[in-house]
Amino acid sequence: RRPLSIKVWSFLEDPGSVVCGRSTMNAISAMITVSVVLPVMQTLDPPPFHVSEVSTLELVFDLIFALEVAVRFLTCPNRMAFCLDGCNFVDIAAGMLGLGLRAFSSSILHADGNFNSVLLSLLCAVPVLRLLKLLRRFDDFHLILKAFRLASEALPVLLFILSVIVLVFASLIYVLEPRSNIDSLPKALWMTVVTVGTVGYGDVVPESPWGSLVTVAMIVVSALYMAIPVGIVGKAFSDVWDDRGKLHMIHRARNRFLERGYKAQDIPAMFCSFDHDRDGELDLSEFMAMMHKMQVALGKERLTELFLSFDSDGSGGIDDAEFVRILFPSAYAQMYGIKSGTGGPLRSHRDGRRRSSTRSSGRPSRNRPNTTRRWPIGR
């Protein structure tokens, strides 16, 4: 890659590491916000701004967004990884959809000047897609996803218990209430779901004394039950947030690997190529040399923190197994035959004892995958 492409890509992906990069990205974020608010405000009757002026301004926004996507595509390290990235897909859709609708606006109007219903839905999707462009500005978003992934393990049984509670109380209310008030079981289910969800619209209320008594019991049970999923989600998010520094580093390093087309299966050969002293692992200087050669745009402090997060046993070196276990946990079991959940820490402990014998003998680790070939640096 050309040095200019590397600088432009670093400016777009890591603006904090470039002079005036953060202020430029803040200006672009403000422009995205304006492009979201304008079409929403124009739906008022009468519109607050002149239609031709807003149309011209939105055309400028669409062209800038399309230009940004084109520059990202031309300077990206790996075109395939670029096309598979969700944020890039949102950028492409936000730019192309606005330009496409604007180009064919004269042909999609009915005779009375109204839009086709399908195309009107697409037109309403433009502000949503533009707002989603801001998603790449929030580094903490992946922490939210990780917390929900952890909490989702308990989701099936929680949904089952909730379904039982709703169906039991709906059946009791349907039996006890007069048909003039609740004439069907679906209506009783609606009242039960609204009550359990603590929304309380008040459109359906019990009239009989027994129905009111059952509703009181349902309110108490639902209040106690809803504390369980809220507590689980809160605990998962708290655990993730307490470890956010390490997770940020790992997430950024993983993205840099994938953006450049590397896979977990490439790591053993990469470690073999940068292991100059042939002790079966990389020390801090060798690790930094590898990350620099791969053009992973992280500063020395961040690379040191990342290295320490991989070096869980504090031996001063990391091998490919430790690297894969943290960066690509799903591929760890397939590559090394050890479960990434329960077997990971045990493997690291064994690796720590194995390194001392490896250093003394000068032989590579016997448990590492076969990496006799050198890694092609100029891929």
Foldseek 3Di string as FASTA:
>chain_A
DDPVLLVVLCLVQPVVVDVCSVVVVVVLVVLLVCLLVQVVQVVDVPRPDDPVVNVVSNVVVLVVLVVVLVSCCVSFLDNVLLVPDPLSVLSVCLNVLSVVCVVCVVVQADPVRDGDPVVVVSVNCNSVSSNCNCVSVDLCPVLLVQLVVQLCVCVVVLVVVVVVLLLVLLVQLVVPADCVQPVDSVVSSVVLVCLLVVNCPPPGDGDDPSNVVSSVVSNVVSVVSVVVSVVSSVVSSVVSVVCVLQVSLLVLVLSLCVSNPHDLVCQQQLQVQLVVLQLQWDALVSQVVSCVLSSSPDDSVSSVVNQVVLLVVPPRTHHSLSVCLRNPVVCNCVQQVAHSPVRVVVVSVVVSVQSVVSVVVSHHDPSHPDNPDHDDSVD
